[in-house]
Protein backbone atom coordinates (compact mmCIF):
# COMPACT_ATOMS: atom_id res chain seq x y z
CA UNK A 1 247.95 62.30 108.33
CA UNK A 2 245.58 60.80 111.13
CA UNK A 3 242.59 62.12 111.89
CA UNK A 4 239.95 62.16 114.71
CA UNK A 5 236.99 61.74 115.11
CA UNK A 6 234.64 63.39 117.64
CA UNK A 7 234.12 61.57 120.77
CA UNK A 8 230.82 61.22 120.94
CA UNK A 9 228.05 63.14 123.70
CA UNK A 10 227.37 60.99 126.82
CA UNK A 11 224.27 60.55 127.16
CA UNK A 12 223.31 62.05 130.09
CA UNK A 13 225.19 65.04 129.05
CA UNK A 14 222.83 64.96 126.61
CA UNK A 15 219.88 65.49 128.54
CA UNK A 16 220.38 67.65 130.79
CA UNK A 17 221.51 69.72 127.68
CA UNK A 18 217.81 69.22 126.45
CA UNK A 19 215.98 69.55 129.64
CA UNK A 20 218.46 73.20 130.17
CA UNK A 21 217.07 74.22 127.06
CA UNK A 22 213.84 73.14 127.20
CA UNK A 23 213.87 75.35 130.15
CA UNK A 24 215.41 78.20 129.09
CA UNK A 25 212.92 78.00 126.07
CA UNK A 26 209.95 78.40 129.16
CA UNK A 27 211.32 81.50 131.53
CA UNK A 28 212.16 83.17 127.34
CA UNK A 29 208.32 82.83 126.37
CA UNK A 30 207.00 83.25 129.36
CA UNK A 31 209.44 86.57 129.58
CA UNK A 32 208.27 87.64 126.29
CA UNK A 33 204.79 86.89 127.04
CA UNK A 34 203.59 88.76 129.46
CA UNK A 35 206.39 91.64 128.95
CA UNK A 36 206.32 92.48 125.16
CA UNK A 37 209.37 94.24 123.17
CA UNK A 38 211.08 94.28 126.85
CA UNK A 39 214.42 94.52 127.18
CA UNK A 40 215.65 92.93 130.76
CA UNK A 41 219.31 94.73 131.21
CA UNK A 42 219.57 94.74 134.77
CA UNK A 43 217.85 94.89 138.26
CA UNK A 44 215.88 96.91 140.52
CA UNK A 45 215.71 95.74 144.66
CA UNK A 46 216.00 92.31 143.22
CA UNK A 47 213.64 92.20 140.28
CA UNK A 48 214.41 93.28 135.92
CA UNK A 49 210.88 95.28 135.80
CA UNK A 50 211.41 98.70 135.81
CA UNK A 51 212.18 102.12 134.08
CA UNK A 52 215.10 102.77 135.60
CA UNK A 53 217.91 104.74 133.19
CA UNK A 54 220.52 102.43 132.22
CA UNK A 55 224.50 103.47 133.08
CA UNK A 56 225.03 101.85 129.36
CA UNK A 57 222.09 99.94 127.11
CA UNK A 58 224.62 97.16 125.61
CA UNK A 59 222.46 94.09 126.19
CA UNK A 60 219.59 94.29 123.38
CA UNK A 61 220.96 92.05 121.19
CA UNK A 62 221.84 88.80 123.39
CA UNK A 63 217.36 88.37 124.02
CA UNK A 64 217.43 88.25 120.03
CA UNK A 65 220.03 85.87 119.89
CA UNK A 66 218.64 83.32 122.50
CA UNK A 67 215.15 83.63 119.84
CA UNK A 68 217.40 82.64 116.68
CA UNK A 69 218.78 80.23 118.61
CA UNK A 70 215.79 78.21 119.33
CA UNK A 71 214.47 78.83 116.29
CA UNK A 72 217.09 77.55 114.44
CA UNK A 73 217.29 73.93 117.03
CA UNK A 74 213.15 73.17 117.33
CA UNK A 75 212.93 74.30 113.68
CA UNK A 76 209.25 76.14 115.44
CA UNK A 77 207.95 78.72 113.09
CA UNK A 78 206.34 80.83 116.41
CA UNK A 79 210.28 81.38 117.41
CA UNK A 80 211.41 82.20 113.76
CA UNK A 81 208.93 85.16 113.75
CA UNK A 82 209.68 86.87 117.32
CA UNK A 83 213.71 86.50 116.35
CA UNK A 84 212.81 89.11 113.65
CA UNK A 85 210.46 90.31 115.20
CA UNK A 86 213.28 91.20 118.32
CA UNK A 87 216.10 91.88 116.17
CA UNK A 88 214.04 94.93 113.96
CA UNK A 89 213.73 96.37 117.15
CA UNK A 90 216.74 97.48 117.64
CA UNK A 91 217.78 97.67 114.23
CA UNK A 92 217.60 100.90 113.94
CA UNK A 93 220.52 100.54 116.75
CA UNK A 94 223.29 100.23 113.59
CA UNK A 95 223.55 103.99 113.63
CA UNK A 96 224.27 104.44 117.64
CA UNK A 97 227.28 105.81 118.40
CA UNK A 98 226.86 105.90 122.07
CA UNK A 99 227.60 102.91 122.87
CA UNK A 100 230.73 100.62 121.96
CA UNK A 101 228.88 96.82 122.12
CA UNK A 102 227.59 96.61 118.11
CA UNK A 103 229.18 93.17 118.18
CA UNK A 104 226.82 91.83 121.01
CA UNK A 105 223.97 93.60 119.71
CA UNK A 106 223.82 92.48 115.86
CA UNK A 107 226.18 89.55 115.78
CA UNK A 108 223.43 87.73 118.15
CA UNK A 109 220.39 89.18 116.48
CA UNK A 110 221.41 89.56 112.45
CA UNK A 111 224.03 88.12 111.91
CA UNK A 112 222.49 84.17 112.72
CA UNK A 113 219.27 85.99 110.55
CA UNK A 114 221.73 86.14 108.03
CA UNK A 115 223.82 82.94 108.61
CA UNK A 116 219.82 81.38 107.79
CA UNK A 117 218.21 83.25 105.33
CA UNK A 118 221.83 84.91 102.78
CA UNK A 119 219.33 88.02 102.55
CA UNK A 120 221.71 90.53 101.51
CA UNK A 121 219.58 93.33 103.15
CA UNK A 122 219.96 91.54 106.71
CA UNK A 123 223.64 91.26 106.24
CA UNK A 124 224.14 95.94 105.61
CA UNK A 125 222.62 95.66 108.90
CA UNK A 126 225.75 94.12 110.14
CA UNK A 127 227.93 96.01 107.70
CA UNK A 128 226.69 99.09 109.34
CA UNK A 129 226.88 98.50 113.11
CA UNK A 130 230.71 97.54 111.98
CA UNK A 131 231.25 100.66 110.21
CA UNK A 132 229.07 102.47 113.05
CA UNK A 133 232.10 100.33 115.69
CA UNK A 134 234.17 101.72 113.23
CA UNK A 135 234.03 105.67 114.28
CA UNK A 136 234.83 105.07 117.88
CA UNK A 137 238.43 104.73 116.52
CA UNK A 138 241.66 107.05 117.97
CA UNK A 139 243.96 107.17 115.75
CA UNK A 140 246.49 108.68 117.84
CA UNK A 141 246.25 106.08 120.31
CA UNK A 142 244.96 103.54 117.75
CA UNK A 143 241.99 101.81 119.72
CA UNK A 144 238.51 102.29 119.68
CA UNK A 145 236.84 103.82 122.77
CA UNK A 146 235.08 102.97 125.36
CA UNK A 147 231.79 104.02 125.97
CA UNK A 148 232.90 105.52 129.34
CA UNK A 149 234.86 108.83 127.78
CA UNK A 150 237.55 109.20 124.65
CA UNK A 151 240.60 108.24 126.17
CA UNK A 152 239.21 105.48 127.91
CA UNK A 153 239.81 102.00 125.97
CA UNK A 154 238.33 98.34 127.20
CA UNK A 155 239.12 95.42 127.39
CA UNK A 156 235.38 94.42 126.61
CA UNK A 157 235.44 96.18 122.80
CA UNK A 158 237.52 92.86 121.80
CA UNK A 159 234.27 90.84 121.82
CA UNK A 160 233.06 93.44 119.75
CA UNK A 161 235.91 94.70 117.22
CA UNK A 162 235.10 91.12 115.00
CA UNK A 163 232.13 93.35 113.69
CA UNK A 164 234.18 95.82 111.78
CA UNK A 165 236.42 92.77 110.85
CA UNK A 166 233.37 91.15 109.29
CA UNK A 167 232.03 95.09 108.22
CA UNK A 168 235.57 95.13 105.97
CA UNK A 169 235.56 91.62 104.82
CA UNK A 170 232.08 92.23 103.14
CA UNK A 171 233.04 95.39 101.50
CA UNK A 172 236.63 95.04 100.94
CA UNK A 173 237.38 98.03 102.93
CA UNK A 174 240.98 98.04 103.87
CA UNK A 175 240.75 101.21 106.03
CA UNK A 176 238.50 99.31 107.81
CA UNK A 177 240.59 96.37 108.98
CA UNK A 178 243.48 98.37 109.30
CA UNK A 179 240.98 100.24 112.58
CA UNK A 180 240.47 96.77 113.77
CA UNK A 181 243.79 95.31 113.51
CA UNK A 182 245.49 98.55 115.84
CA UNK A 183 243.07 98.51 117.80
CA UNK A 184 243.29 95.01 119.03
CA UNK A 185 247.45 95.35 118.73
CA UNK A 186 246.71 98.00 121.33
CA UNK A 187 245.20 96.36 123.26
CA UNK A 188 247.29 93.36 123.23
CA UNK A 189 249.96 95.53 124.07
CA UNK A 190 248.73 97.57 127.00
CA UNK A 191 245.72 96.01 129.04
CA UNK A 192 246.88 91.64 128.11
CA UNK A 193 249.82 91.18 130.90
CA UNK A 194 252.81 88.91 130.76
CA UNK A 195 250.67 86.68 132.75
CA UNK A 196 247.68 86.02 130.78
CA UNK A 197 245.31 88.65 132.69
CA UNK A 198 243.67 91.68 131.47
CA UNK A 199 243.24 95.38 132.49
CA UNK A 200 239.23 96.57 132.09
CA UNK A 201 240.50 100.02 130.68
CA UNK A 202 243.52 101.60 129.92
CA UNK A 203 244.06 105.36 129.65
CA UNK A 204 245.14 107.13 126.84
CA UNK A 205 246.58 111.36 126.36
CA UNK A 206 244.70 112.58 123.53
CA UNK A 207 247.41 114.69 122.22
CA UNK A 208 249.93 112.56 121.85
CA UNK A 209 248.08 108.62 122.25
CA UNK A 210 250.40 108.15 124.38
CA UNK A 211 249.36 105.30 127.03
CA UNK A 212 248.60 106.47 130.53
CA UNK A 213 247.54 103.64 133.06
CA UNK A 214 245.48 100.46 133.46
CA UNK A 215 242.77 101.35 135.36
CA UNK A 216 238.87 99.31 136.02
CA UNK A 217 235.53 100.12 136.40
CA UNK A 218 234.59 96.50 137.76
CA UNK A 219 236.45 93.72 139.14
CA UNK A 220 237.92 91.73 141.79
CA UNK A 221 240.87 94.27 142.34
CA UNK A 222 242.51 97.17 140.97
CA UNK A 223 242.94 96.59 137.63
CA UNK A 224 241.43 93.31 137.39
CA UNK A 225 239.05 91.93 134.13
CA UNK A 226 237.11 87.91 134.16
CA UNK A 227 239.18 85.88 131.30
CA UNK A 228 235.95 85.56 129.00
CA UNK A 229 237.48 89.02 127.57
CA UNK A 230 240.91 87.70 127.72
CA UNK A 231 240.51 84.28 126.12
CA UNK A 232 239.30 86.39 122.89
CA UNK A 233 242.38 87.91 121.93
CA UNK A 234 243.91 85.84 119.33
CA UNK A 235 240.72 84.15 117.63
CA UNK A 236 240.93 84.68 114.24
CA UNK A 237 237.50 85.44 112.91
CA UNK A 238 239.04 83.98 108.87
CA UNK A 239 238.04 80.12 110.26
CA UNK A 240 234.61 81.01 109.81
CA UNK A 241 234.24 84.77 108.16
CA UNK A 242 236.39 83.66 105.15
CA UNK A 243 238.06 86.84 104.28
CA UNK A 244 237.45 88.19 100.50
CA UNK A 245 240.94 87.38 98.52
CA UNK A 246 242.65 90.75 98.30
CA UNK A 247 242.42 91.09 102.26
CA UNK A 248 243.39 87.65 102.86
CA UNK A 249 245.51 88.09 106.00
CA UNK A 250 245.13 86.93 109.55
CA UNK A 251 245.08 90.01 112.03
CA UNK A 252 247.30 89.29 115.15
CA UNK A 253 244.21 89.29 117.47
CA UNK A 254 240.38 89.38 117.69
CA UNK A 255 237.06 89.52 118.62
CA UNK A 256 235.74 85.99 119.45
CA UNK A 257 232.53 85.49 117.43
CA UNK A 258 229.72 84.99 119.80
CA UNK A 259 228.76 80.77 119.14
CA UNK A 260 225.54 79.43 117.95
């Protein structure tokens, strides 16, 4: 068997990455110092600091996620304290049934926290987030519904269904595994096209569960969505989240885990 060692990272790339990382720390430090406990979500008139109501709130985990990355990479106690603080600010959302983005919220924050500490209480938050995400499951259509409407399934949910798989793996819950797997199969069947492109949204008949049509809320043209979501199709979480023995099987499709 032949093994291949990783190619060394060019010095110029390392330097560029360090500059970007240092700049990111400066920007985030300024943000949380000048606007404590505020989560930028979208801009209005070119400004993200405003009090306007959001269409949906799915971004609060990203700021905390950056703080955890800084804390791990630098070992700086200040970043670690801020990471824990901003994670706690969203803990109550582990029961939030108004969004389909529990992975974005809690994989970026509490999962990184758990990976760093092994604290079971922190892990319980991630598990609850997965259970909450699973409550969106439509049994007739076999999909996790989007926040828009009960008949709606977004390709974006493939970026979040991993938290349901994780909850299933951690608790040995076969029904959670079924829900997550069936959602992936439904998404692959109806939202992913033969050329690899994807629809943003699929609409289903609530009475029968039958698929009706593809549509979109955003994208270059009708029913198109970028490649970021579709690249999650077919990635298995078992590489980074070992499944307990009674559930040891690889789902046919699953969301990606957010990178560290």
